Amino acid sequence: MTNEEPNSLYYGDYLELDKILNSQHPKSGFATDEMLFIVIHQAYELWFKQIIHELDRVREIFSTDNVQDNAGEMSIAVHKLKRVVKILEVLNQQVNILETMTPMDFLEFRNLLLPSSGFQSLQFRIIEAKLGLKMEHRYKADYYKNTRRGGFSSEDFSTINQVEKDATLKELIVKWAERTPFFDESLWKEYQNLFPVEQGTQKFWSDYKQIYQSSLSNAEHGRLDELERVFYKEGSGDFSVHAMRAVLFIMMYRNLPIFHLPFDLLTTLIDIDELLSQWRYKHMLMTRRMIGMRVGTGGTSGAGYLEGALRQHYIFKELTEITTFLIERSKLPNLPKAVIERMTFNI
């Protein structure tokens, strides 16, 4: 069959390369580095589209009330999140290519971009929202909720508002953690406490407080109050007490076969947060290198705004900080037979 025959699929047609390769129109002409600037940012947006596609599938999996830790759906979710990690690694590498453009190269066309800005990337805002970055946790939140010059178009503004109403991945992860059955009292009847049981406290967590206290140095004893707050009274951030207990338990007993995928899930979410932070950091350094302390093309404070976002825009901060409350592996309490059986794949 030749390419001219009916129903013959051609490479360029399948990828619609005529549209993609003819979508670069430098305002300054082709004599400057604006072509590189456009291609890099178009590539970003294509990768953002793929990230959104992956996140929607993961959110769909966790939106059910019965996500089995040892079932295929959990494996699919972890695999897709690991793909997001690989994409974010590529995005970080793309900054290195953009930095082959010098500050004076950029100044040749920078003013032609006004008042547009990377701040107006609808897809990046959607990624942040779907992951779980809330408006009230954003640096200078007033920058986001506007349609003024340098802000979002009315259509994009409406889209962002709608996305923010949907369940975020973080919210779904919290609900998943809260459903874990690890501390049903019926499973702990045979558990032999190492210390006297604190009244009103579940057996394992009564012991854990004492073990954690003994692991602290003299300079760290204030951490015991923090442990009490996070795992016994209030929880942490968006994670309830029950969710925080489940996450810590998974991290401590990750060698149990049924916890392999959940542990992988939690560490992959941390990886995503760290890579987004690296991307913001590299973006901030590049902005300082390119324009110093000048105002951004969209009207933000430029590098100053990016530095604030870097400090504040952590989504899964609770997962990262939970390592504060780990103890030595050699001090982990032995689990009772009923809990071990519940944690096997034969359930």
Foldseek 3Di string as FASTA:
>chain_A
DDCPDPPRDDPCVVVVVVCVVPVDDAPLPDPACVSVVVVLVVVVLVLLVLLVVLLVLLCVLLVDLDNQLPDPSLVSNLVSLVVNLVSLVVNLVSLVVVLVQALVSCVSCQLVCFQEDPQQSLSVLLSLLQQPFDLVLFDPSVQAQDCPFLYYPPVSNVVSVVSNVDDHPVNSLLSVLLPDPLQPLVLCPPPDAPDPADPPDRRQVSNLLVQLCVQDDPVPNVCSVVCCCQQPNANDDSHGNSSLVSLLVLVLPVVQVSSVSVVSNLVSLVSSQVSVLSSLVSLLVSQCRNPNQPAHSSGHRTSVSSVRRSVGSGRVVVSVCSVVSDDDSVPRGDGDPSSSVVSHPPD
